Each structure stands twice: as structure tokens, then as C-alpha cells.
C-alpha atoms as a PDB file:
ATOM      1  CA  UNK A   1     -44.845  18.896   1.713  1.00  0.00           C
ATOM      2  CA  UNK A   2     -44.756  21.567  -1.153  1.00  0.00           C
ATOM      3  CA  UNK A   3     -41.810  21.235  -4.297  1.00  0.00           C
ATOM      4  CA  UNK A   4     -40.201  24.270  -3.008  1.00  0.00           C
ATOM      5  CA  UNK A   5     -39.574  22.987   0.839  1.00  0.00           C
ATOM      6  CA  UNK A   6     -38.690  19.765  -1.157  1.00  0.00           C
ATOM      7  CA  UNK A   7     -35.960  21.745  -2.893  1.00  0.00           C
ATOM      8  CA  UNK A   8     -34.327  23.597  -0.609  1.00  0.00           C
ATOM      9  CA  UNK A   9     -33.733  20.143   1.436  1.00  0.00           C
ATOM     10  CA  UNK A  10     -32.250  18.884  -1.367  1.00  0.00           C
ATOM     11  CA  UNK A  11     -29.836  21.931  -1.327  1.00  0.00           C
ATOM     12  CA  UNK A  12     -29.545  21.161   2.417  1.00  0.00           C
ATOM     13  CA  UNK A  13     -27.865  18.064   1.641  1.00  0.00           C
ATOM     14  CA  UNK A  14     -26.436  18.170  -1.091  1.00  0.00           C
ATOM     15  CA  UNK A  15     -24.037  21.055   0.450  1.00  0.00           C
ATOM     16  CA  UNK A  16     -24.381  18.694   3.679  1.00  0.00           C
ATOM     17  CA  UNK A  17     -23.293  15.752   2.275  1.00  0.00           C
ATOM     18  CA  UNK A  18     -20.542  18.530   0.233  1.00  0.00           C
ATOM     19  CA  UNK A  19     -19.356  19.593   3.471  1.00  0.00           C
ATOM     20  CA  UNK A  20     -18.127  16.421   4.461  1.00  0.00           C
ATOM     21  CA  UNK A  21     -16.495  15.033   1.256  1.00  0.00           C
ATOM     22  CA  UNK A  22     -14.137  18.373   1.802  1.00  0.00           C
ATOM     23  CA  UNK A  23     -13.096  17.848   5.730  1.00  0.00           C
ATOM     24  CA  UNK A  24     -12.398  14.615   5.078  1.00  0.00           C
ATOM     25  CA  UNK A  25     -10.439  15.277   1.930  1.00  0.00           C
ATOM     26  CA  UNK A  26      -7.951  17.427   4.122  1.00  0.00           C
ATOM     27  CA  UNK A  27      -4.206  16.209   3.666  1.00  0.00           C
ATOM     28  CA  UNK A  28      -2.728  16.521   7.240  1.00  0.00           C
ATOM     29  CA  UNK A  29      -0.734  20.203   6.849  1.00  0.00           C
ATOM     30  CA  UNK A  30       3.055  19.779   6.129  1.00  0.00           C
ATOM     31  CA  UNK A  31       2.882  16.240   4.612  1.00  0.00           C
ATOM     32  CA  UNK A  32       4.800  14.382   2.193  1.00  0.00           C
ATOM     33  CA  UNK A  33       3.235  11.601   0.180  1.00  0.00           C
ATOM     34  CA  UNK A  34       5.647   8.831  -0.096  1.00  0.00           C
ATOM     35  CA  UNK A  35       4.036   5.840  -1.366  1.00  0.00           C
ATOM     36  CA  UNK A  36       1.018   5.694  -3.117  1.00  0.00           C
ATOM     37  CA  UNK A  37      -0.543   2.412  -5.186  1.00  0.00           C
ATOM     38  CA  UNK A  38      -2.866   3.465  -8.390  1.00  0.00           C
ATOM     39  CA  UNK A  39      -5.239   0.974 -10.363  1.00  0.00           C
ATOM     40  CA  UNK A  40      -6.396   2.827 -13.044  1.00  0.00           C
ATOM     41  CA  UNK A  41      -8.534   1.569 -16.432  1.00  0.00           C
ATOM     42  CA  UNK A  42      -6.854   2.685 -19.569  1.00  0.00           C
ATOM     43  CA  UNK A  43      -8.463   3.047 -23.149  1.00  0.00           C
ATOM     44  CA  UNK A  44      -5.727   3.506 -26.797  1.00  0.00           C
ATOM     45  CA  UNK A  45      -6.293   4.723 -29.415  1.00  0.00           C
ATOM     46  CA  UNK A  46      -3.668   4.466 -31.360  1.00  0.00           C
ATOM     47  CA  UNK A  47      -2.202   3.521 -34.798  1.00  0.00           C
ATOM     48  CA  UNK A  48       0.362   1.523 -36.068  1.00  0.00           C
ATOM     49  CA  UNK A  49       3.164   1.756 -39.494  1.00  0.00           C
ATOM     50  CA  UNK A  50       3.221  -2.471 -41.286  1.00  0.00           C
ATOM     51  CA  UNK A  51       4.755  -3.864 -43.761  1.00  0.00           C
ATOM     52  CA  UNK A  52       4.004  -6.496 -45.927  1.00  0.00           C
ATOM     53  CA  UNK A  53       5.679 -10.147 -45.265  1.00  0.00           C
ATOM     54  CA  UNK A  54       5.047 -11.507 -48.952  1.00  0.00           C
ATOM     55  CA  UNK A  55       4.858  -8.985 -52.471  1.00  0.00           C
ATOM     56  CA  UNK A  56       4.569  -6.355 -53.174  1.00  0.00           C
ATOM     57  CA  UNK A  57       6.406  -5.191 -49.381  1.00  0.00           C
ATOM     58  CA  UNK A  58       5.056  -2.422 -49.136  1.00  0.00           C
ATOM     59  CA  UNK A  59       4.519  -0.361 -45.921  1.00  0.00           C
ATOM     60  CA  UNK A  60       1.055   2.208 -44.422  1.00  0.00           C
ATOM     61  CA  UNK A  61      -0.702   3.521 -41.473  1.00  0.00           C
ATOM     62  CA  UNK A  62      -2.889   1.606 -39.810  1.00  0.00           C
ATOM     63  CA  UNK A  63      -6.535   2.166 -39.646  1.00  0.00           C
ATOM     64  CA  UNK A  64      -7.363   4.176 -35.492  1.00  0.00           C
ATOM     65  CA  UNK A  65      -7.480   1.062 -33.161  1.00  0.00           C
ATOM     66  CA  UNK A  66      -8.896   0.306 -30.217  1.00  0.00           C
ATOM     67  CA  UNK A  67      -7.150  -1.330 -26.787  1.00  0.00           C
ATOM     68  CA  UNK A  68      -7.963  -1.206 -23.420  1.00  0.00           C
ATOM     69  CA  UNK A  69      -6.645  -2.712 -20.042  1.00  0.00           C
ATOM     70  CA  UNK A  70      -6.035  -2.299 -16.251  1.00  0.00           C
ATOM     71  CA  UNK A  71      -3.224  -0.733 -15.328  1.00  0.00           C
ATOM     72  CA  UNK A  72      -1.115  -1.506 -11.543  1.00  0.00           C
ATOM     73  CA  UNK A  73       1.518   1.385 -10.396  1.00  0.00           C
ATOM     74  CA  UNK A  74       3.527   2.131  -7.238  1.00  0.00           C
ATOM     75  CA  UNK A  75       5.637   4.708  -6.583  1.00  0.00           C
ATOM     76  CA  UNK A  76       7.961   6.045  -3.528  1.00  0.00           C
ATOM     77  CA  UNK A  77       8.300   9.524  -3.391  1.00  0.00           C
ATOM     78  CA  UNK A  78       7.780  10.631  -7.201  1.00  0.00           C
ATOM     79  CA  UNK A  79       9.576   7.190  -8.662  1.00  0.00           C
ATOM     80  CA  UNK A  80       6.417   5.508 -10.151  1.00  0.00           C
ATOM     81  CA  UNK A  81       6.692   1.174 -11.757  1.00  0.00           C
ATOM     82  CA  UNK A  82       4.208   0.430 -13.626  1.00  0.00           C
ATOM     83  CA  UNK A  83       2.307  -3.019 -16.064  1.00  0.00           C
ATOM     84  CA  UNK A  84      -0.223  -2.028 -18.279  1.00  0.00           C
ATOM     85  CA  UNK A  85      -1.978  -4.905 -18.959  1.00  0.00           C
ATOM     86  CA  UNK A  86      -3.858  -4.555 -22.469  1.00  0.00           C
ATOM     87  CA  UNK A  87      -6.662  -6.206 -24.648  1.00  0.00           C
ATOM     88  CA  UNK A  88      -7.653  -4.782 -28.117  1.00  0.00           C
ATOM     89  CA  UNK A  89     -10.849  -5.283 -28.901  1.00  0.00           C
ATOM     90  CA  UNK A  90      -9.985  -5.030 -32.486  1.00  0.00           C
ATOM     91  CA  UNK A  91      -9.741  -8.384 -33.407  1.00  0.00           C
ATOM     92  CA  UNK A  92      -7.304  -8.166 -36.864  1.00  0.00           C
ATOM     93  CA  UNK A  93      -5.393  -5.092 -33.923  1.00  0.00           C
ATOM     94  CA  UNK A  94      -2.415  -7.255 -32.784  1.00  0.00           C
ATOM     95  CA  UNK A  95      -2.407 -10.005 -29.748  1.00  0.00           C
ATOM     96  CA  UNK A  96      -2.646  -8.282 -26.468  1.00  0.00           C
ATOM     97  CA  UNK A  97       0.033  -7.029 -24.775  1.00  0.00           C
ATOM     98  CA  UNK A  98       1.690  -5.709 -21.603  1.00  0.00           C
ATOM     99  CA  UNK A  99       3.595  -2.538 -20.890  1.00  0.00           C
ATOM    100  CA  UNK A 100       6.102  -2.601 -17.663  1.00  0.00           C
ATOM    101  CA  UNK A 101       6.510   1.309 -17.639  1.00  0.00           C
ATOM    102  CA  UNK A 102       9.226   2.776 -15.515  1.00  0.00           C
ATOM    103  CA  UNK A 103       8.364   6.876 -14.334  1.00  0.00           C
ATOM    104  CA  UNK A 104       8.541   9.923 -12.501  1.00  0.00           C
ATOM    105  CA  UNK A 105       5.689  11.917 -11.166  1.00  0.00           C
ATOM    106  CA  UNK A 106       6.781  15.973 -11.252  1.00  0.00           C
ATOM    107  CA  UNK A 107       3.776  18.268  -9.365  1.00  0.00           C
ATOM    108  CA  UNK A 108       2.684  20.714 -10.822  1.00  0.00           C
ATOM    109  CA  UNK A 109       0.192  21.806  -8.722  1.00  0.00           C
ATOM    110  CA  UNK A 110      -0.584  19.835  -5.705  1.00  0.00           C
ATOM    111  CA  UNK A 111      -3.207  18.134  -7.622  1.00  0.00           C
ATOM    112  CA  UNK A 112      -2.201  18.250 -11.116  1.00  0.00           C
ATOM    113  CA  UNK A 113       0.990  16.041 -11.769  1.00  0.00           C
ATOM    114  CA  UNK A 114       3.530  15.339 -15.362  1.00  0.00           C
ATOM    115  CA  UNK A 115       4.626  11.737 -15.334  1.00  0.00           C
ATOM    116  CA  UNK A 116       7.082  11.252 -18.224  1.00  0.00           C
ATOM    117  CA  UNK A 117       8.040   7.254 -18.453  1.00  0.00           C
ATOM    118  CA  UNK A 118       9.727   4.737 -20.182  1.00  0.00           C
ATOM    119  CA  UNK A 119       9.604   1.070 -20.616  1.00  0.00           C
ATOM    120  CA  UNK A 120       9.111  -1.827 -22.924  1.00  0.00           C
ATOM    121  CA  UNK A 121       6.141  -3.567 -24.210  1.00  0.00           C
ATOM    122  CA  UNK A 122       5.697  -7.307 -24.565  1.00  0.00           C
ATOM    123  CA  UNK A 123       3.708  -9.722 -26.501  1.00  0.00           C
ATOM    124  CA  UNK A 124       2.782 -12.671 -28.385  1.00  0.00           C
ATOM    125  CA  UNK A 125       5.155 -11.973 -31.244  1.00  0.00           C
ATOM    126  CA  UNK A 126       7.836 -10.042 -29.308  1.00  0.00           C
ATOM    127  CA  UNK A 127       9.029  -6.440 -27.260  1.00  0.00           C
ATOM    128  CA  UNK A 128      10.614  -3.719 -27.484  1.00  0.00           C
ATOM    129  CA  UNK A 129      10.970  -0.319 -26.146  1.00  0.00           C
ATOM    130  CA  UNK A 130       8.185   2.332 -25.318  1.00  0.00           C
ATOM    131  CA  UNK A 131       8.346   5.862 -23.528  1.00  0.00           C
ATOM    132  CA  UNK A 132       5.862   8.641 -23.654  1.00  0.00           C
ATOM    133  CA  UNK A 133       4.416  10.639 -20.930  1.00  0.00           C
ATOM    134  CA  UNK A 134       1.470  11.609 -18.189  1.00  0.00           C
ATOM    135  CA  UNK A 135      -0.643  14.228 -17.716  1.00  0.00           C
ATOM    136  CA  UNK A 136      -2.373  13.471 -13.921  1.00  0.00           C
ATOM    137  CA  UNK A 137      -5.182  14.960 -12.135  1.00  0.00           C
ATOM    138  CA  UNK A 138      -6.570  13.900  -8.739  1.00  0.00           C
ATOM    139  CA  UNK A 139      -9.480  14.665  -6.490  1.00  0.00           C
ATOM    140  CA  UNK A 140      -9.061  14.105  -2.342  1.00  0.00           C
ATOM    141  CA  UNK A 141     -12.001  11.641  -1.799  1.00  0.00           C
ATOM    142  CA  UNK A 142     -10.494  11.080   1.981  1.00  0.00           C
ATOM    143  CA  UNK A 143      -7.193  12.064   3.644  1.00  0.00           C
ATOM    144  CA  UNK A 144      -5.718   8.615   1.853  1.00  0.00           C
ATOM    145  CA  UNK A 145      -8.368   7.781  -1.425  1.00  0.00           C
ATOM    146  CA  UNK A 146      -8.335   9.568  -4.307  1.00  0.00           C
ATOM    147  CA  UNK A 147      -9.905   9.593  -7.811  1.00  0.00           C
ATOM    148  CA  UNK A 148      -8.269  10.875 -10.455  1.00  0.00           C
ATOM    149  CA  UNK A 149      -8.418  11.237 -14.287  1.00  0.00           C
ATOM    150  CA  UNK A 150      -5.286  11.444 -17.172  1.00  0.00           C
ATOM    151  CA  UNK A 151      -4.399  11.865 -20.560  1.00  0.00           C
ATOM    152  CA  UNK A 152      -1.479  10.200 -22.083  1.00  0.00           C
ATOM    153  CA  UNK A 153       0.617  10.110 -25.331  1.00  0.00           C
ATOM    154  CA  UNK A 154       2.774   6.986 -25.458  1.00  0.00           C
ATOM    155  CA  UNK A 155       5.481   5.032 -28.258  1.00  0.00           C
ATOM    156  CA  UNK A 156       6.246   1.430 -28.719  1.00  0.00           C
ATOM    157  CA  UNK A 157       8.318   0.281 -31.065  1.00  0.00           C
ATOM    158  CA  UNK A 158       7.646  -3.546 -31.096  1.00  0.00           C
ATOM    159  CA  UNK A 159       6.981  -6.798 -32.652  1.00  0.00           C
ATOM    160  CA  UNK A 160       3.154  -7.717 -33.721  1.00  0.00           C
ATOM    161  CA  UNK A 161       0.801  -8.682 -36.051  1.00  0.00           C
ATOM    162  CA  UNK A 162      -1.891  -6.613 -38.630  1.00  0.00           C
ATOM    163  CA  UNK A 163      -4.280  -8.243 -40.677  1.00  0.00           C
ATOM    164  CA  UNK A 164      -6.230  -5.967 -43.808  1.00  0.00           C
ATOM    165  CA  UNK A 165      -8.526  -8.525 -45.752  1.00  0.00           C
ATOM    166  CA  UNK A 166      -6.291 -11.278 -46.458  1.00  0.00           C
ATOM    167  CA  UNK A 167      -3.076  -9.693 -46.914  1.00  0.00           C
ATOM    168  CA  UNK A 168      -0.698 -10.037 -43.485  1.00  0.00           C
ATOM    169  CA  UNK A 169       1.292  -6.305 -41.911  1.00  0.00           C
ATOM    170  CA  UNK A 170       4.686  -6.639 -39.389  1.00  0.00           C
ATOM    171  CA  UNK A 171       3.980  -3.980 -36.936  1.00  0.00           C
ATOM    172  CA  UNK A 172       6.582  -1.935 -35.861  1.00  0.00           C
ATOM    173  CA  UNK A 173       6.389   1.460 -34.772  1.00  0.00           C
ATOM    174  CA  UNK A 174       2.101   2.267 -32.408  1.00  0.00           C
ATOM    175  CA  UNK A 175       1.227   5.906 -32.022  1.00  0.00           C
ATOM    176  CA  UNK A 176      -0.850   6.244 -29.085  1.00  0.00           C
ATOM    177  CA  UNK A 177      -3.314   8.607 -26.909  1.00  0.00           C
ATOM    178  CA  UNK A 178      -4.782   7.171 -24.212  1.00  0.00           C
ATOM    179  CA  UNK A 179      -7.376   7.909 -21.581  1.00  0.00           C
ATOM    180  CA  UNK A 180      -8.913   6.838 -18.059  1.00  0.00           C
ATOM    181  CA  UNK A 181      -9.844   7.474 -14.925  1.00  0.00           C
ATOM    182  CA  UNK A 182      -7.744   5.436 -11.557  1.00  0.00           C
ATOM    183  CA  UNK A 183      -8.385   5.597  -8.480  1.00  0.00           C
ATOM    184  CA  UNK A 184      -5.287   5.951  -5.678  1.00  0.00           C
ATOM    185  CA  UNK A 185      -4.420   4.738  -1.878  1.00  0.00           C
ATOM    186  CA  UNK A 186      -1.656   7.212  -0.437  1.00  0.00           C
ATOM    187  CA  UNK A 187       0.577   6.405   2.496  1.00  0.00           C
ATOM    188  CA  UNK A 188       1.749   9.679   4.007  1.00  0.00           C
ATOM    189  CA  UNK A 189       4.050  11.160   6.041  1.00  0.00           C
ATOM    190  CA  UNK A 190       3.553  13.371   8.772  1.00  0.00           C
ATOM    191  CA  UNK A 191       6.122  16.192  10.266  1.00  0.00           C
ATOM    192  CA  UNK A 192       7.442  15.804  13.417  1.00  0.00           C
ATOM    193  CA  UNK A 193       5.745  17.919  16.648  1.00  0.00           C
ATOM    194  CA  UNK A 194       9.243  19.397  18.091  1.00  0.00           C
ATOM    195  CA  UNK A 195       7.996  19.027  21.888  1.00  0.00           C
ATOM    196  CA  UNK A 196      11.144  21.202  23.198  1.00  0.00           C
ATOM    197  CA  UNK A 197       9.556  25.276  23.644  1.00  0.00           C
END
């Protein structure tokens, strides 16, 4: 077989594959999303305001630290309830954290949504409030399943501890940016079919 024939065959297979995916990714006409389950992988970069626990009692902002973890989110219509489990990859960056968030999704387009949220953060040293927003982009694979990417920002105020060298600091304010990917499973409410014409 010639190289040109192989290239043409490969292109036909790719086009055929994209057509099949597009065929199965169509949302039923008039359908409305009622329930979704989202599973996310989240990577978070953050800085925190730190206060020394011994004299001199100076405060400082930390270096850029990183956390990563997983989020499980359940939504009814546009109201979301999520739990994020984070593990710090920096040994001096604090303890493991759990975030509980209550949010609302606003649709910009069919596949692009803004999601503001408010909630609380829990860790081994204390708890505090958290608030922020995410930008979610869905890529439909099949009628009831999507993959997606998101960008997020978050402000948290919770008690934690960080070491800089041998000095112990308490943390209170966190500012973070996050990026990640998710899998989304839908339940659609199909429109009623009129039978009395």
C-alpha cells in the first residue's frame, strides 16, 4: 500500500469517528438538565497570610504552595452541593483539607457555565469560611455523559499552621487559583409529547 493511500484511509477513519461522537453527543431537543453528578480532579495554587507564633510576632505572605485532590459534586437543576478533599504536596504547606461548597450555575452558553459558591473549610487545626467562583466548560461525548475543564478562584479564612525553616506560623487567609478536569453524568427531563392535535 502506498503512503498516500494510508493517509487518506487514516483521515477517513478520523472523520468517521468524529461524526459518530457528534451523533451520540446531541442533547434531546427541548431537554432540560435536572440532576448531574460531577467528579473532578483539582490542582490548586495558593498563597496564605501567616502570623508568627513567637516573638517577634511579625506577619508575612507565604510562597506559592500547591494542593491537589478530588471533588464530588451533586446538583439539582442549577443548585450545586460539593465536597473537595485536598492533600498538600508541600510538606510545609499545612494539613489535609476538606471544602464543603454550596453554589449556583449560571449558563453563558449551552456548554459554558459560571458557578459562584460559598461554604466552609475543615482541617485538623480548625475551620473557616470560603467563597469563590468557577468557570466550567463541557465537551459532550454521549447523550448523558460529558467531560469538562474548569478554572477557579477561591478565598478561604481558616486556621492552619505552616513552618518557614524552624519558625512556626499560623495561617488565616488563603487566596488560591485552581484548574482541573471533570467527568459529568446527567439526568435529562425530556419534554412532554403532545398527543391531542
